[in-house]
């Protein structure tokens, strides 16, 4: 897994390439958690992400909860169909915006 981040004011763009699983979720969390202090919008670009496990879902949920406390937003963008199914089955699609 590789992560590219770009911060623009209160917006953080996160591009994830590869798999987010039990082995890489901690790394993703470390990459993101310190960046969220003054962020109100996180765009996850997932075009190159090919897998997400429950550990990865927990990281995204933690980001969502952190932003929700300050009326922020998380957008999941360029999500592959197989991953979109996971977000829908787990209920993430009910409270996060998913864009093609």
Protein backbone atom coordinates (compact mmCIF):
# COMPACT_ATOMS: atom_id res chain seq x y z
CA UNK A 1 0.00 0.00 0.00
CA UNK A 2 1.13 3.52 -0.76
CA UNK A 3 -0.52 6.73 0.38
CA UNK A 4 -0.23 10.15 -1.22
CA UNK A 5 -1.58 13.15 0.70
CA UNK A 6 -2.22 16.69 -0.39
CA UNK A 7 -3.49 19.32 2.00
CA UNK A 8 -5.19 22.46 0.75
CA UNK A 9 -6.55 24.65 3.56
CA UNK A 10 -9.06 22.57 5.50
CA UNK A 11 -9.21 19.86 2.80
CA UNK A 12 -7.08 16.71 2.79
CA UNK A 13 -6.89 14.61 -0.37
CA UNK A 14 -5.74 11.04 0.22
CA UNK A 15 -4.84 8.72 -2.67
CA UNK A 16 -4.56 5.08 -1.67
CA UNK A 17 -2.85 2.56 -3.91
CA UNK A 18 -2.98 -1.16 -3.11
CA UNK A 19 -4.58 -3.06 -0.25
CA UNK A 20 -5.64 -1.74 3.14
CA UNK A 21 -5.69 -4.75 5.43
CA UNK A 22 -4.55 -5.79 8.89
CA UNK A 23 -0.92 -5.37 7.83
CA UNK A 24 -1.28 -1.87 6.37
CA UNK A 25 -4.19 -0.25 8.25
CA UNK A 26 -1.93 0.92 11.07
CA UNK A 27 0.33 2.64 8.57
CA UNK A 28 -2.67 4.36 6.96
CA UNK A 29 -3.89 5.51 10.36
CA UNK A 30 -0.43 6.90 11.21
CA UNK A 31 -0.32 8.73 7.88
CA UNK A 32 -3.69 10.40 8.52
CA UNK A 33 -4.34 10.97 12.20
CA UNK A 34 -1.87 13.84 12.69
CA UNK A 35 -3.10 15.54 9.50
CA UNK A 36 -6.68 15.92 10.75
CA UNK A 37 -6.18 18.69 13.32
CA UNK A 38 -7.50 21.51 11.14
CA UNK A 39 -9.23 19.48 8.42
CA UNK A 40 -12.98 19.59 7.73
CA UNK A 41 -13.06 17.67 4.44
CA UNK A 42 -11.26 14.45 3.50
CA UNK A 43 -11.40 13.11 -0.05
CA UNK A 44 -10.29 9.50 -0.29
CA UNK A 45 -9.38 8.72 -3.92
CA UNK A 46 -9.67 4.95 -4.23
CA UNK A 47 -9.20 4.29 -7.93
CA UNK A 48 -6.00 2.34 -7.27
CA UNK A 49 -7.15 0.67 -4.05
CA UNK A 50 -7.89 -2.97 -4.70
CA UNK A 51 -8.90 -4.31 -1.27
CA UNK A 52 -10.07 -3.14 2.14
CA UNK A 53 -10.46 -5.27 5.25
CA UNK A 54 -12.32 -4.54 8.47
CA UNK A 55 -9.10 -3.01 9.83
CA UNK A 56 -9.07 -0.54 6.93
CA UNK A 57 -12.76 0.21 7.42
CA UNK A 58 -12.02 1.07 11.05
CA UNK A 59 -9.43 3.64 9.97
CA UNK A 60 -11.87 5.29 7.57
CA UNK A 61 -14.55 5.23 10.27
CA UNK A 62 -12.16 6.89 12.74
CA UNK A 63 -11.46 9.65 10.21
CA UNK A 64 -15.21 10.07 9.68
CA UNK A 65 -15.91 10.27 13.43
CA UNK A 66 -13.12 12.80 13.94
CA UNK A 67 -14.49 15.04 11.20
CA UNK A 68 -18.10 14.55 12.28
CA UNK A 69 -17.25 16.14 15.64
CA UNK A 70 -16.50 19.39 13.79
CA UNK A 71 -19.26 19.07 11.17
CA UNK A 72 -16.76 17.87 8.58
CA UNK A 73 -17.24 15.55 5.62
CA UNK A 74 -15.62 12.42 4.20
CA UNK A 75 -15.98 11.67 0.51
CA UNK A 76 -15.02 8.33 -1.02
CA UNK A 77 -14.16 8.98 -4.64
CA UNK A 78 -13.34 6.79 -7.66
CA UNK A 79 -14.35 3.68 -5.73
CA UNK A 80 -14.13 0.39 -7.63
CA UNK A 81 -17.36 -1.60 -7.89
CA UNK A 82 -16.15 -4.45 -5.68
CA UNK A 83 -15.17 -1.98 -2.96
CA UNK A 84 -18.39 -0.02 -3.39
CA UNK A 85 -20.24 -3.25 -2.56
CA UNK A 86 -18.27 -3.52 0.69
CA UNK A 87 -19.10 0.06 1.65
CA UNK A 88 -22.77 -0.55 0.92
CA UNK A 89 -22.94 -3.88 2.79
CA UNK A 90 -21.21 -2.43 5.86
CA UNK A 91 -23.48 0.62 5.92
CA UNK A 92 -20.73 3.13 5.21
CA UNK A 93 -22.66 4.28 2.13
CA UNK A 94 -25.48 5.35 4.44
CA UNK A 95 -23.43 8.13 6.04
CA UNK A 96 -20.53 8.79 3.64
CA UNK A 97 -20.74 10.22 0.15
CA UNK A 98 -19.48 7.82 -2.50
CA UNK A 99 -18.65 9.22 -5.93
CA UNK A 100 -17.69 7.45 -9.12
